[in-house]
Amino acid sequence: MAASKIKSHAPRRVSFAKIREPLEVPNLLSLQLESIDWLLGNEAWRSRLNDAEKSHRGEVPKQSGLEEIFEEISPIEDFPRINVTFFP
C-alpha cells in the first residue's frame, strides 16, 4: 500500500505511433550521388547548375567542392619560396 502512494517524477512519455501521415523517406543514394557530383564537379553537377541558373534558383553552388578547396589553399608557398598554384 505504501508503494501506491509514491508519485513518479519521470517525464511524461509521448507516443509517435499514432502519426496519421507517414513521412516520405528521402532517397539517400541520390543525395550521396549529388554530393559526389558536386565535390568532383563532373558533368551531372554542371547540368544541374545550368538548369538551376535557367530557372533562377540559387540552390546549386556555383563552384565545385574541389574548386573551393583548391581556391582556399592556393597558393602554397614552400620554404625556398616556391609557389604552387592550382588555378590561375
PDB file of N, CA and C in Angstrom:
ATOM      1  N   MET A   1       0.780  -1.184   0.000  1.00  0.00           N
ATOM      2  CA  MET A   1       0.000   0.000   0.000  1.00  0.00           C
ATOM      3  C   MET A   1       0.836   1.269   0.000  1.00  0.00           C
ATOM      4  N   ALA A   2       1.933   1.232   0.672  1.00  0.00           N
ATOM      5  CA  ALA A   2       2.797   2.403   0.730  1.00  0.00           C
ATOM      6  C   ALA A   2       3.405   2.705  -0.632  1.00  0.00           C
ATOM      7  N   ALA A   3       3.607   1.680  -1.427  1.00  0.00           N
ATOM      8  CA  ALA A   3       4.194   1.887  -2.745  1.00  0.00           C
ATOM      9  C   ALA A   3       3.246   2.593  -3.696  1.00  0.00           C
ATOM     10  N   SER A   4       1.950   2.456  -3.527  1.00  0.00           N
ATOM     11  CA  SER A   4       0.986   3.081  -4.435  1.00  0.00           C
ATOM     12  C   SER A   4       0.854   4.580  -4.175  1.00  0.00           C
ATOM     13  N   LYS A   5       1.273   5.077  -3.036  1.00  0.00           N
ATOM     14  CA  LYS A   5       1.165   6.497  -2.710  1.00  0.00           C
ATOM     15  C   LYS A   5       2.363   7.311  -3.193  1.00  0.00           C
ATOM     16  N   ILE A   6       3.413   6.661  -3.635  1.00  0.00           N
ATOM     17  CA  ILE A   6       4.616   7.367  -4.098  1.00  0.00           C
ATOM     18  C   ILE A   6       4.373   7.887  -5.510  1.00  0.00           C
ATOM     19  N   LYS A   7       4.604   9.194  -5.712  1.00  0.00           N
ATOM     20  CA  LYS A   7       4.408   9.786  -7.037  1.00  0.00           C
ATOM     21  C   LYS A   7       5.701   9.673  -7.845  1.00  0.00           C
ATOM     22  N   SER A   8       5.543   9.390  -9.108  1.00  0.00           N
ATOM     23  CA  SER A   8       6.699   9.273 -10.000  1.00  0.00           C
ATOM     24  C   SER A   8       7.053  10.653 -10.557  1.00  0.00           C
ATOM     25  N   HIS A   9       8.329  10.948 -10.607  1.00  0.00           N
ATOM     26  CA  HIS A   9       8.801  12.219 -11.151  1.00  0.00           C
ATOM     27  C   HIS A   9       9.388  12.041 -12.554  1.00  0.00           C
ATOM     28  N   ALA A  10       9.085  10.938 -13.175  1.00  0.00           N
ATOM     29  CA  ALA A  10       9.573  10.682 -14.535  1.00  0.00           C
ATOM     30  C   ALA A  10       8.823  11.573 -15.520  1.00  0.00           C
ATOM     31  N   PRO A  11       9.480  12.002 -16.587  1.00  0.00           N
ATOM     32  CA  PRO A  11       8.790  12.834 -17.579  1.00  0.00           C
ATOM     33  C   PRO A  11       7.689  12.050 -18.285  1.00  0.00           C
ATOM     34  N   ARG A  12       6.679  12.758 -18.719  1.00  0.00           N
ATOM     35  CA  ARG A  12       5.563  12.138 -19.416  1.00  0.00           C
ATOM     36  C   ARG A  12       6.018  11.639 -20.777  1.00  0.00           C
ATOM     37  N   ARG A  13       5.634  10.443 -21.151  1.00  0.00           N
ATOM     38  CA  ARG A  13       6.027   9.851 -22.424  1.00  0.00           C
ATOM     39  C   ARG A  13       5.092  10.311 -23.536  1.00  0.00           C
ATOM     40  N   VAL A  14       5.674  10.544 -24.696  1.00  0.00           N
ATOM     41  CA  VAL A  14       4.900  10.924 -25.869  1.00  0.00           C
ATOM     42  C   VAL A  14       5.018   9.802 -26.880  1.00  0.00           C
ATOM     43  N   SER A  15       3.887   9.355 -27.387  1.00  0.00           N
ATOM     44  CA  SER A  15       3.888   8.265 -28.359  1.00  0.00           C
ATOM     45  C   SER A  15       3.793   8.831 -29.776  1.00  0.00           C
ATOM     46  N   PHE A  16       4.692   8.399 -30.631  1.00  0.00           N
ATOM     47  CA  PHE A  16       4.659   8.788 -32.039  1.00  0.00           C
ATOM     48  C   PHE A  16       4.079   7.672 -32.902  1.00  0.00           C
ATOM     49  N   ALA A  17       3.513   6.676 -32.290  1.00  0.00           N
ATOM     50  CA  ALA A  17       2.985   5.521 -33.016  1.00  0.00           C
ATOM     51  C   ALA A  17       1.690   5.836 -33.747  1.00  0.00           C
ATOM     52  N   LYS A  18       1.027   6.910 -33.385  1.00  0.00           N
ATOM     53  CA  LYS A  18      -0.277   7.212 -33.982  1.00  0.00           C
ATOM     54  C   LYS A  18      -0.202   8.354 -34.989  1.00  0.00           C
ATOM     55  N   ILE A  19       0.893   8.486 -35.689  1.00  0.00           N
ATOM     56  CA  ILE A  19       1.018   9.520 -36.715  1.00  0.00           C
ATOM     57  C   ILE A  19       0.134   9.123 -37.895  1.00  0.00           C
ATOM     58  N   ARG A  20      -0.726  10.033 -38.302  1.00  0.00           N
ATOM     59  CA  ARG A  20      -1.691   9.721 -39.363  1.00  0.00           C
ATOM     60  C   ARG A  20      -1.040   9.726 -40.749  1.00  0.00           C
ATOM     61  N   GLU A  21      -0.137  10.650 -41.012  1.00  0.00           N
ATOM     62  CA  GLU A  21       0.521  10.732 -42.320  1.00  0.00           C
ATOM     63  C   GLU A  21       1.947  10.210 -42.195  1.00  0.00           C
ATOM     64  N   PRO A  22       2.280   9.173 -42.917  1.00  0.00           N
ATOM     65  CA  PRO A  22       3.671   8.698 -42.859  1.00  0.00           C
ATOM     66  C   PRO A  22       4.599   9.694 -43.558  1.00  0.00           C
ATOM     67  N   LEU A  23       5.782   9.848 -43.028  1.00  0.00           N
ATOM     68  CA  LEU A  23       6.768  10.740 -43.628  1.00  0.00           C
ATOM     69  C   LEU A  23       7.429  10.048 -44.810  1.00  0.00           C
ATOM     70  N   GLU A  24       7.711  10.836 -45.824  1.00  0.00           N
ATOM     71  CA  GLU A  24       8.372  10.284 -47.005  1.00  0.00           C
ATOM     72  C   GLU A  24       9.849  10.071 -46.697  1.00  0.00           C
ATOM     73  N   VAL A  25      10.344   8.917 -47.033  1.00  0.00           N
ATOM     74  CA  VAL A  25      11.743   8.594 -46.800  1.00  0.00           C
ATOM     75  C   VAL A  25      12.574   9.211 -47.930  1.00  0.00           C
ATOM     76  N   PRO A  26      13.602   9.997 -47.599  1.00  0.00           N
ATOM     77  CA  PRO A  26      14.403  10.609 -48.661  1.00  0.00           C
ATOM     78  C   PRO A  26      15.239   9.561 -49.387  1.00  0.00           C
ATOM     79  N   ASN A  27      15.527   9.836 -50.634  1.00  0.00           N
ATOM     80  CA  ASN A  27      16.363   8.949 -51.435  1.00  0.00           C
ATOM     81  C   ASN A  27      17.824   9.237 -51.084  1.00  0.00           C
ATOM     82  N   LEU A  28      18.360   8.494 -50.146  1.00  0.00           N
ATOM     83  CA  LEU A  28      19.704   8.763 -49.633  1.00  0.00           C
ATOM     84  C   LEU A  28      20.787   8.476 -50.665  1.00  0.00           C
ATOM     85  N   LEU A  29      20.568   7.489 -51.524  1.00  0.00           N
ATOM     86  CA  LEU A  29      21.546   7.191 -52.556  1.00  0.00           C
ATOM     87  C   LEU A  29      21.654   8.353 -53.535  1.00  0.00           C
ATOM     88  N   SER A  30      20.540   8.912 -53.921  1.00  0.00           N
ATOM     89  CA  SER A  30      20.538  10.060 -54.824  1.00  0.00           C
ATOM     90  C   SER A  30      21.230  11.252 -54.173  1.00  0.00           C
ATOM     91  N   LEU A  31      20.988  11.448 -52.883  1.00  0.00           N
ATOM     92  CA  LEU A  31      21.618  12.541 -52.156  1.00  0.00           C
ATOM     93  C   LEU A  31      23.138  12.389 -52.127  1.00  0.00           C
ATOM     94  N   GLN A  32      23.606  11.168 -51.910  1.00  0.00           N
ATOM     95  CA  GLN A  32      25.048  10.925 -51.903  1.00  0.00           C
ATOM     96  C   GLN A  32      25.653  11.119 -53.287  1.00  0.00           C
ATOM     97  N   LEU A  33      24.950  10.662 -54.321  1.00  0.00           N
ATOM     98  CA  LEU A  33      25.462  10.827 -55.679  1.00  0.00           C
ATOM     99  C   LEU A  33      25.543  12.301 -56.062  1.00  0.00           C
ATOM    100  N   GLU A  34      24.548  13.089 -55.676  1.00  0.00           N
ATOM    101  CA  GLU A  34      24.595  14.528 -55.948  1.00  0.00           C
ATOM    102  C   GLU A  34      25.749  15.188 -55.213  1.00  0.00           C
ATOM    103  N   SER A  35      26.020  14.731 -54.006  1.00  0.00           N
ATOM    104  CA  SER A  35      27.122  15.285 -53.224  1.00  0.00           C
ATOM    105  C   SER A  35      28.467  14.967 -53.870  1.00  0.00           C
ATOM    106  N   ILE A  36      28.640  13.748 -54.344  1.00  0.00           N
ATOM    107  CA  ILE A  36      29.882  13.371 -55.026  1.00  0.00           C
ATOM    108  C   ILE A  36      30.017  14.135 -56.342  1.00  0.00           C
ATOM    109  N   ASP A  37      28.899  14.302 -57.065  1.00  0.00           N
ATOM    110  CA  ASP A  37      28.930  15.086 -58.309  1.00  0.00           C
ATOM    111  C   ASP A  37      29.409  16.502 -58.035  1.00  0.00           C
ATOM    112  N   TRP A  38      28.900  17.115 -56.955  1.00  0.00           N
ATOM    113  CA  TRP A  38      29.317  18.468 -56.602  1.00  0.00           C
ATOM    114  C   TRP A  38      30.789  18.507 -56.219  1.00  0.00           C
ATOM    115  N   LEU A  39      31.239  17.533 -55.425  1.00  0.00           N
ATOM    116  CA  LEU A  39      32.637  17.512 -54.992  1.00  0.00           C
ATOM    117  C   LEU A  39      33.574  17.441 -56.183  1.00  0.00           C
ATOM    118  N   LEU A  40      33.272  16.551 -57.122  1.00  0.00           N
ATOM    119  CA  LEU A  40      34.149  16.364 -58.274  1.00  0.00           C
ATOM    120  C   LEU A  40      33.919  17.394 -59.367  1.00  0.00           C
ATOM    121  N   GLY A  41      32.726  18.002 -59.382  1.00  0.00           N
ATOM    122  CA  GLY A  41      32.421  18.983 -60.417  1.00  0.00           C
ATOM    123  C   GLY A  41      32.220  18.337 -61.772  1.00  0.00           C
ATOM    124  N   ASN A  42      31.641  17.146 -61.798  1.00  0.00           N
ATOM    125  CA  ASN A  42      31.505  16.425 -63.064  1.00  0.00           C
ATOM    126  C   ASN A  42      30.322  16.945 -63.885  1.00  0.00           C
ATOM    127  N   GLU A  43      30.066  16.305 -64.995  1.00  0.00           N
ATOM    128  CA  GLU A  43      29.066  16.778 -65.955  1.00  0.00           C
ATOM    129  C   GLU A  43      27.643  16.772 -65.380  1.00  0.00           C
ATOM    130  N   ALA A  44      27.316  15.804 -64.549  1.00  0.00           N
ATOM    131  CA  ALA A  44      25.979  15.757 -63.941  1.00  0.00           C
ATOM    132  C   ALA A  44      25.741  16.988 -63.071  1.00  0.00           C
ATOM    133  N   TRP A  45      26.749  17.395 -62.301  1.00  0.00           N
ATOM    134  CA  TRP A  45      26.627  18.591 -61.469  1.00  0.00           C
ATOM    135  C   TRP A  45      26.527  19.840 -62.339  1.00  0.00           C
ATOM    136  N   ARG A  46      27.318  19.901 -63.401  1.00  0.00           N
ATOM    137  CA  ARG A  46      27.273  21.075 -64.288  1.00  0.00           C
ATOM    138  C   ARG A  46      25.912  21.212 -64.964  1.00  0.00           C
ATOM    139  N   SER A  47      25.295  20.105 -65.336  1.00  0.00           N
ATOM    140  CA  SER A  47      23.971  20.188 -65.946  1.00  0.00           C
ATOM    141  C   SER A  47      22.928  20.649 -64.924  1.00  0.00           C
ATOM    142  N   ARG A  48      23.043  20.193 -63.659  1.00  0.00           N
ATOM    143  CA  ARG A  48      22.136  20.683 -62.616  1.00  0.00           C
ATOM    144  C   ARG A  48      22.350  22.167 -62.361  1.00  0.00           C
ATOM    145  N   LEU A  49      23.601  22.617 -62.431  1.00  0.00           N
ATOM    146  CA  LEU A  49      23.918  24.033 -62.247  1.00  0.00           C
ATOM    147  C   LEU A  49      23.305  24.860 -63.372  1.00  0.00           C
ATOM    148  N   ASN A  50      23.425  24.392 -64.610  1.00  0.00           N
ATOM    149  CA  ASN A  50      22.840  25.114 -65.746  1.00  0.00           C
ATOM    150  C   ASN A  50      21.320  25.167 -65.642  1.00  0.00           C
ATOM    151  N   ASP A  51      20.697  24.061 -65.244  1.00  0.00           N
ATOM    152  CA  ASP A  51      19.239  24.039 -65.080  1.00  0.00           C
ATOM    153  C   ASP A  51      18.791  25.005 -63.982  1.00  0.00           C
ATOM    154  N   ALA A  52      19.544  25.062 -62.893  1.00  0.00           N
ATOM    155  CA  ALA A  52      19.196  25.958 -61.792  1.00  0.00           C
ATOM    156  C   ALA A  52      19.357  27.419 -62.202  1.00  0.00           C
ATOM    157  N   GLU A  53      20.389  27.715 -62.990  1.00  0.00           N
ATOM    158  CA  GLU A  53      20.586  29.090 -63.444  1.00  0.00           C
ATOM    159  C   GLU A  53      19.491  29.506 -64.423  1.00  0.00           C
ATOM    160  N   LYS A  54      19.046  28.592 -65.288  1.00  0.00           N
ATOM    161  CA  LYS A  54      17.985  28.915 -66.241  1.00  0.00           C
ATOM    162  C   LYS A  54      16.658  29.175 -65.541  1.00  0.00           C
ATOM    163  N   SER A  55      16.396  28.453 -64.461  1.00  0.00           N
ATOM    164  CA  SER A  55      15.135  28.622 -63.745  1.00  0.00           C
ATOM    165  C   SER A  55      15.262  29.619 -62.583  1.00  0.00           C
ATOM    166  N   HIS A  56      16.418  30.294 -62.464  1.00  0.00           N
ATOM    167  CA  HIS A  56      16.671  31.334 -61.458  1.00  0.00           C
ATOM    168  C   HIS A  56      16.534  30.810 -60.042  1.00  0.00           C
ATOM    169  N   ARG A  57      16.989  29.572 -59.816  1.00  0.00           N
ATOM    170  CA  ARG A  57      17.046  29.020 -58.465  1.00  0.00           C
ATOM    171  C   ARG A  57      18.489  29.089 -58.002  1.00  0.00           C
ATOM    172  N   GLY A  58      18.700  29.437 -56.769  1.00  0.00           N
ATOM    173  CA  GLY A  58      20.049  29.556 -56.242  1.00  0.00           C
ATOM    174  C   GLY A  58      20.450  28.414 -55.337  1.00  0.00           C
ATOM    175  N   GLU A  59      19.876  27.245 -55.536  1.00  0.00           N
ATOM    176  CA  GLU A  59      20.122  26.144 -54.602  1.00  0.00           C
ATOM    177  C   GLU A  59      21.361  25.327 -54.939  1.00  0.00           C
ATOM    178  N   VAL A  60      21.929  25.497 -56.133  1.00  0.00           N
ATOM    179  CA  VAL A  60      23.118  24.741 -56.528  1.00  0.00           C
ATOM    180  C   VAL A  60      24.321  25.671 -56.431  1.00  0.00           C
ATOM    181  N   PRO A  61      25.382  25.270 -55.707  1.00  0.00           N
ATOM    182  CA  PRO A  61      26.564  26.124 -55.570  1.00  0.00           C
ATOM    183  C   PRO A  61      27.228  26.377 -56.921  1.00  0.00           C
ATOM    184  N   LYS A  62      27.825  27.561 -57.060  1.00  0.00           N
ATOM    185  CA  LYS A  62      28.448  27.959 -58.326  1.00  0.00           C
ATOM    186  C   LYS A  62      29.794  27.260 -58.556  1.00  0.00           C
ATOM    187  N   GLN A  63      30.487  26.890 -57.490  1.00  0.00           N
ATOM    188  CA  GLN A  63      31.789  26.225 -57.603  1.00  0.00           C
ATOM    189  C   GLN A  63      31.666  24.786 -57.119  1.00  0.00           C
ATOM    190  N   SER A  64      32.471  23.919 -57.714  1.00  0.00           N
ATOM    191  CA  SER A  64      32.502  22.538 -57.226  1.00  0.00           C
ATOM    192  C   SER A  64      33.294  22.492 -55.915  1.00  0.00           C
ATOM    193  N   GLY A  65      33.197  21.377 -55.232  1.00  0.00           N
ATOM    194  CA  GLY A  65      33.865  21.235 -53.946  1.00  0.00           C
ATOM    195  C   GLY A  65      35.379  21.316 -54.044  1.00  0.00           C
ATOM    196  N   LEU A  66      35.951  20.651 -55.037  1.00  0.00           N
ATOM    197  CA  LEU A  66      37.407  20.694 -55.191  1.00  0.00           C
ATOM    198  C   LEU A  66      37.886  22.080 -55.593  1.00  0.00           C
ATOM    199  N   GLU A  67      37.105  22.787 -56.408  1.00  0.00           N
ATOM    200  CA  GLU A  67      37.475  24.164 -56.764  1.00  0.00           C
ATOM    201  C   GLU A  67      37.507  25.047 -55.519  1.00  0.00           C
ATOM    202  N   GLU A  68      36.535  24.888 -54.648  1.00  0.00           N
ATOM    203  CA  GLU A  68      36.517  25.657 -53.407  1.00  0.00           C
ATOM    204  C   GLU A  68      37.727  25.344 -52.535  1.00  0.00           C
ATOM    205  N   ILE A  69      38.043  24.067 -52.413  1.00  0.00           N
ATOM    206  CA  ILE A  69      39.177  23.666 -51.574  1.00  0.00           C
ATOM    207  C   ILE A  69      40.487  24.196 -52.138  1.00  0.00           C
ATOM    208  N   PHE A  70      40.707  24.017 -53.451  1.00  0.00           N
ATOM    209  CA  PHE A  70      41.949  24.484 -54.048  1.00  0.00           C
ATOM    210  C   PHE A  70      42.058  26.001 -54.012  1.00  0.00           C
ATOM    211  N   GLU A  71      40.961  26.701 -54.165  1.00  0.00           N
ATOM    212  CA  GLU A  71      40.992  28.155 -54.081  1.00  0.00           C
ATOM    213  C   GLU A  71      41.343  28.608 -52.670  1.00  0.00           C
ATOM    214  N   GLU A  72      40.868  27.862 -51.683  1.00  0.00           N
ATOM    215  CA  GLU A  72      41.132  28.211 -50.293  1.00  0.00           C
ATOM    216  C   GLU A  72      42.599  28.012 -49.918  1.00  0.00           C
ATOM    217  N   ILE A  73      43.229  26.964 -50.421  1.00  0.00           N
ATOM    218  CA  ILE A  73      44.608  26.671 -50.005  1.00  0.00           C
ATOM    219  C   ILE A  73      45.652  27.197 -50.981  1.00  0.00           C
ATOM    220  N   SER A  74      45.238  27.763 -52.107  1.00  0.00           N
ATOM    221  CA  SER A  74      46.182  28.231 -53.113  1.00  0.00           C
ATOM    222  C   SER A  74      46.531  29.695 -52.858  1.00  0.00           C
ATOM    223  N   PRO A  75      47.708  30.145 -53.052  1.00  0.00           N
ATOM    224  CA  PRO A  75      48.912  29.421 -53.429  1.00  0.00           C
ATOM    225  C   PRO A  75      49.585  28.804 -52.206  1.00  0.00           C
ATOM    226  N   ILE A  76      50.278  27.731 -52.438  1.00  0.00           N
ATOM    227  CA  ILE A  76      51.059  27.072 -51.401  1.00  0.00           C
ATOM    228  C   ILE A  76      52.498  27.538 -51.559  1.00  0.00           C
ATOM    229  N   GLU A  77      53.076  28.057 -50.473  1.00  0.00           N
ATOM    230  CA  GLU A  77      54.457  28.517 -50.520  1.00  0.00           C
ATOM    231  C   GLU A  77      55.341  27.514 -49.793  1.00  0.00           C
ATOM    232  N   ASP A  78      56.415  27.128 -50.455  1.00  0.00           N
ATOM    233  CA  ASP A  78      57.384  26.222 -49.869  1.00  0.00           C
ATOM    234  C   ASP A  78      58.455  27.065 -49.165  1.00  0.00           C
ATOM    235  N   PHE A  79      59.342  26.419 -48.440  1.00  0.00           N
ATOM    236  CA  PHE A  79      60.379  27.134 -47.695  1.00  0.00           C
ATOM    237  C   PHE A  79      61.253  28.005 -48.595  1.00  0.00           C
ATOM    238  N   PRO A  80      61.769  27.492 -49.712  1.00  0.00           N
ATOM    239  CA  PRO A  80      62.590  28.380 -50.559  1.00  0.00           C
ATOM    240  C   PRO A  80      61.742  29.281 -51.460  1.00  0.00           C
ATOM    241  N   ARG A  81      60.497  29.551 -51.084  1.00  0.00           N
ATOM    242  CA  ARG A  81      59.587  30.452 -51.789  1.00  0.00           C
ATOM    243  C   ARG A  81      59.175  29.955 -53.177  1.00  0.00           C
ATOM    244  N   ILE A  82      58.954  28.647 -53.264  1.00  0.00           N
ATOM    245  CA  ILE A  82      58.414  28.085 -54.499  1.00  0.00           C
ATOM    246  C   ILE A  82      56.902  28.106 -54.361  1.00  0.00           C
ATOM    247  N   ASN A  83      56.229  28.807 -55.264  1.00  0.00           N
ATOM    248  CA  ASN A  83      54.767  28.909 -55.211  1.00  0.00           C
ATOM    249  C   ASN A  83      54.139  27.840 -56.080  1.00  0.00           C
ATOM    250  N   VAL A  84      53.150  27.170 -55.520  1.00  0.00           N
ATOM    251  CA  VAL A  84      52.379  26.187 -56.270  1.00  0.00           C
ATOM    252  C   VAL A  84      50.946  26.705 -56.299  1.00  0.00           C
ATOM    253  N   THR A  85      50.440  26.998 -57.489  1.00  0.00           N
ATOM    254  CA  THR A  85      49.064  27.457 -57.606  1.00  0.00           C
ATOM    255  C   THR A  85      48.259  26.425 -58.384  1.00  0.00           C
ATOM    256  N   PHE A  86      46.997  26.279 -58.007  1.00  0.00           N
ATOM    257  CA  PHE A  86      46.137  25.315 -58.652  1.00  0.00           C
ATOM    258  C   PHE A  86      45.280  25.945 -59.722  1.00  0.00           C
ATOM    259  N   PHE A  87      44.971  27.231 -59.545  1.00  0.00           N
ATOM    260  CA  PHE A  87      44.166  27.953 -60.525  1.00  0.00           C
ATOM    261  C   PHE A  87      44.879  29.248 -60.859  1.00  0.00           C
ATOM    262  N   PRO A  88      44.797  29.678 -62.097  1.00  0.00           N
ATOM    263  CA  PRO A  88      45.489  30.931 -62.475  1.00  0.00           C
ATOM    264  C   PRO A  88      44.874  32.141 -61.827  1.00  0.00           C
TER     265      PRO A  88
END
